[in-house]
Amino acid sequence: MAVMENENRVWKLFVTFFKIGAFTFGGGYAMIPLIKEEVVTKQHWLEDQDILDIIAIAESTPGPIAVNTATFVGKKTAGMAGAAAATGGVILPAFIIIYCLSFVLRQFEELAVVKYAFVGIRAAVLVLIFQGLLSMYKACPKGKMEYLLMAFAFVVTAFFDVNILIVILVCALTGLLVNGRKQS
């Protein structure tokens, strides 16, 4: 019976991430609120803290955040088959859409209606990214150190063009040092 339940979950992971991949414009950051809504609120596969941890890991590892998040969610909820299903589900719509668009985009890109549609899509994407930011902010611990790290990360990446990997490493090491001292 457990095998059948796992197969059902694997299929549900594929369908869930396929829908997210198919109906989200703006890349991985725009997908975060939808992933959280599906995985935590609707399906109850994970808790808020789990998804926050997964997003932090997905952001810190090489590759697109949506693909990494899907892989981690799938692995945590249904093992390796779940990881493959969720990853395939989130990638497949983009592949299909880009493949189809590649045949016709050049013919339509100069049309005013297409240009206006992309202006609207960009505005919607910005809102989705901001919603993801707010969702992560609400779930994060808030203290003096956390606010200092957020400010540091924003300033050095926005104004000094510091490599994001260095910023992530500095923030992670600071978190380890500060929390390590608290537990000692």
Protein backbone atom coordinates (compact mmCIF):
# COMPACT_ATOMS: atom_id res chain seq x y z
CA MET A 1 0.00 0.00 0.00
CA ALA A 2 2.90 2.38 0.76
CA VAL A 3 4.30 1.86 -2.76
CA MET A 4 0.97 2.88 -4.32
CA GLU A 5 0.79 5.96 -2.07
CA ASN A 6 4.34 6.96 -3.05
CA GLU A 7 3.56 6.48 -6.77
CA ASN A 8 0.49 8.68 -6.34
CA ARG A 9 2.59 11.34 -4.58
CA VAL A 10 5.24 11.20 -7.34
CA TRP A 11 2.57 11.75 -9.99
CA LYS A 12 1.01 14.56 -7.92
CA LEU A 13 4.45 16.20 -7.58
CA PHE A 14 4.90 16.10 -11.34
CA VAL A 15 1.45 17.59 -12.01
CA THR A 16 1.83 20.26 -9.31
CA PHE A 17 5.23 21.43 -10.54
CA PHE A 18 4.12 21.19 -14.17
CA LYS A 19 1.27 23.63 -13.39
CA ILE A 20 3.64 25.95 -11.54
CA GLY A 21 6.12 25.82 -14.42
CA ALA A 22 3.42 26.37 -17.02
CA PHE A 23 1.66 29.33 -15.44
CA THR A 24 4.47 31.32 -13.86
CA PHE A 25 6.25 34.01 -15.81
CA GLY A 26 9.39 35.66 -14.48
CA GLY A 27 11.55 32.77 -13.48
CA GLY A 28 12.25 31.03 -10.23
CA TYR A 29 11.74 33.90 -7.83
CA ALA A 30 8.25 34.46 -9.20
CA MET A 31 7.52 30.76 -8.59
CA ILE A 32 8.37 30.83 -4.88
CA PRO A 33 4.96 32.05 -3.65
CA LEU A 34 3.20 29.50 -5.86
CA ILE A 35 5.46 26.68 -4.70
CA LYS A 36 4.83 27.63 -1.07
CA GLU A 37 1.07 27.84 -1.65
CA GLU A 38 0.93 24.41 -3.31
CA VAL A 39 3.43 22.54 -1.15
CA VAL A 40 2.60 23.99 2.28
CA THR A 41 -0.97 25.30 2.16
CA LYS A 42 -2.77 23.07 -0.34
CA GLN A 43 -0.94 19.74 -0.28
CA HIS A 44 0.44 19.91 3.29
CA TRP A 45 3.58 18.09 2.19
CA LEU A 46 5.89 20.44 4.09
CA GLU A 47 5.79 23.08 6.81
CA ASP A 48 6.60 26.78 6.38
CA GLN A 49 10.03 26.33 7.96
CA ASP A 50 10.82 23.40 5.64
CA ILE A 51 10.08 25.43 2.53
CA LEU A 52 12.08 28.38 3.86
CA ASP A 53 15.07 26.08 4.46
CA ILE A 54 14.68 24.50 1.02
CA ILE A 55 14.58 27.93 -0.67
CA ALA A 56 17.69 29.01 1.24
CA ILE A 57 19.52 25.86 0.12
CA ALA A 58 18.20 26.15 -3.45
CA GLU A 59 19.44 29.73 -3.64
CA SER A 60 22.85 28.74 -2.30
CA THR A 61 23.46 25.90 -4.74
CA PRO A 62 24.35 26.17 -8.44
CA GLY A 63 21.47 26.21 -10.88
CA PRO A 64 18.10 27.90 -11.26
CA ILE A 65 16.25 28.36 -7.98
CA ALA A 66 12.98 26.90 -9.31
CA VAL A 67 14.66 23.72 -10.48
CA ASN A 68 16.65 23.38 -7.26
CA THR A 69 13.56 24.03 -5.13
CA ALA A 70 11.50 21.50 -7.09
CA THR A 71 14.26 18.91 -6.73
CA PHE A 72 14.59 19.44 -2.97
CA VAL A 73 10.80 19.42 -2.40
CA GLY A 74 10.43 16.26 -4.48
CA LYS A 75 13.28 14.51 -2.65
CA LYS A 76 11.94 15.46 0.76
CA THR A 77 8.39 14.37 0.00
CA ALA A 78 8.85 11.27 -2.20
CA GLY A 79 12.54 10.37 -2.43
CA MET A 80 14.54 10.22 -5.65
CA ALA A 81 11.49 9.48 -7.80
CA GLY A 82 9.81 12.56 -6.32
CA ALA A 83 12.89 14.65 -7.05
CA ALA A 84 12.90 13.51 -10.68
CA ALA A 85 9.14 14.05 -11.06
CA ALA A 86 9.11 17.55 -9.55
CA THR A 87 12.19 18.62 -11.49
CA GLY A 88 10.79 17.26 -14.75
CA GLY A 89 7.44 18.89 -14.04
CA VAL A 90 8.90 22.34 -13.50
CA ILE A 91 11.26 22.15 -16.52
CA LEU A 92 8.98 20.61 -19.13
CA PRO A 93 6.54 23.53 -19.62
CA ALA A 94 9.34 26.02 -20.25
CA PHE A 95 10.96 23.65 -22.72
CA ILE A 96 7.69 23.12 -24.61
CA ILE A 97 6.80 26.84 -24.63
CA ILE A 98 10.27 27.98 -25.74
CA TYR A 99 10.41 25.28 -28.40
CA CYS A 100 7.05 26.36 -29.84
CA LEU A 101 7.79 30.08 -29.55
CA SER A 102 11.10 29.68 -31.34
CA PHE A 103 9.19 29.03 -34.56
CA VAL A 104 6.94 32.09 -34.40
CA LEU A 105 8.49 34.75 -32.15
CA ARG A 106 10.54 36.47 -34.85
CA GLN A 107 7.39 36.95 -36.89
CA PHE A 108 5.44 38.63 -34.05
CA GLU A 109 7.99 40.44 -31.86
CA GLU A 110 7.53 43.79 -33.62
CA LEU A 111 3.74 43.83 -33.22
CA ALA A 112 2.55 46.51 -30.79
CA VAL A 113 0.16 44.13 -29.04
CA VAL A 114 3.02 41.72 -28.28
CA LYS A 115 5.19 44.55 -26.92
CA TYR A 116 2.34 45.76 -24.69
CA ALA A 117 1.68 42.25 -23.46
CA PHE A 118 5.31 41.93 -22.38
CA VAL A 119 5.08 45.23 -20.49
CA GLY A 120 2.12 43.82 -18.56
CA ILE A 121 3.85 40.50 -17.96
CA ARG A 122 6.94 42.27 -16.56
CA ALA A 123 4.74 44.22 -14.12
CA ALA A 124 3.05 41.02 -12.95
CA VAL A 125 6.42 39.30 -12.53
CA LEU A 126 7.67 42.12 -10.34
CA VAL A 127 4.64 41.67 -8.08
CA LEU A 128 5.23 37.91 -7.84
CA ILE A 129 8.89 38.43 -6.93
CA PHE A 130 7.91 40.99 -4.29
CA GLN A 131 5.31 38.56 -2.90
CA GLY A 132 8.01 35.90 -2.60
CA LEU A 133 10.24 38.38 -0.78
CA LEU A 134 7.46 39.25 1.69
CA SER A 135 6.65 35.60 2.26
CA MET A 136 10.27 34.76 3.05
CA TYR A 137 10.62 37.87 5.23
CA LYS A 138 7.59 36.88 7.32
CA ALA A 139 8.94 33.37 7.85
CA CYS A 140 12.51 34.42 8.73
CA PRO A 141 13.63 35.03 12.30
CA LYS A 142 13.88 38.73 13.04
CA GLY A 143 16.53 40.14 15.31
CA LYS A 144 19.34 42.65 15.31
CA MET A 145 21.77 40.27 13.59
CA GLU A 146 19.24 39.26 10.92
CA TYR A 147 18.48 42.89 10.06
CA LEU A 148 22.19 43.69 9.89
CA LEU A 149 22.82 40.74 7.55
CA MET A 150 19.90 41.75 5.32
CA ALA A 151 21.16 45.32 5.12
CA PHE A 152 24.73 44.16 4.48
CA ALA A 153 23.66 41.78 1.71
CA PHE A 154 21.48 44.40 0.04
CA VAL A 155 24.08 47.18 0.14
CA VAL A 156 27.05 45.15 -1.10
CA THR A 157 25.10 43.51 -3.93
CA ALA A 158 23.12 46.57 -5.01
CA PHE A 159 25.78 49.26 -4.75
CA PHE A 160 29.17 47.54 -4.84
CA ASP A 161 28.60 44.70 -7.31
CA VAL A 162 30.01 42.07 -4.93
CA ASN A 163 29.65 38.48 -6.13
CA ILE A 164 26.52 36.98 -4.60
CA LEU A 165 28.37 33.77 -3.70
CA ILE A 166 30.70 35.75 -1.46
CA VAL A 167 27.73 37.46 0.17
CA ILE A 168 26.00 34.12 0.80
CA LEU A 169 29.17 32.64 2.29
CA VAL A 170 29.75 35.66 4.55
CA CYS A 171 26.13 35.59 5.74
CA ALA A 172 26.23 31.82 6.32
CA LEU A 173 29.49 32.00 8.25
CA THR A 174 28.18 34.93 10.31
CA GLY A 175 25.03 32.94 11.12
CA LEU A 176 27.13 29.95 12.16
CA LEU A 177 29.42 32.03 14.34
CA VAL A 178 26.65 34.00 16.04
CA ASN A 179 24.41 30.99 16.66
CA GLY A 180 27.39 28.85 17.68
CA ARG A 181 28.27 31.35 20.39
CA LYS A 182 24.65 31.46 21.59
CA GLN A 183 24.57 27.67 22.02
CA SER A 184 27.95 27.52 23.79
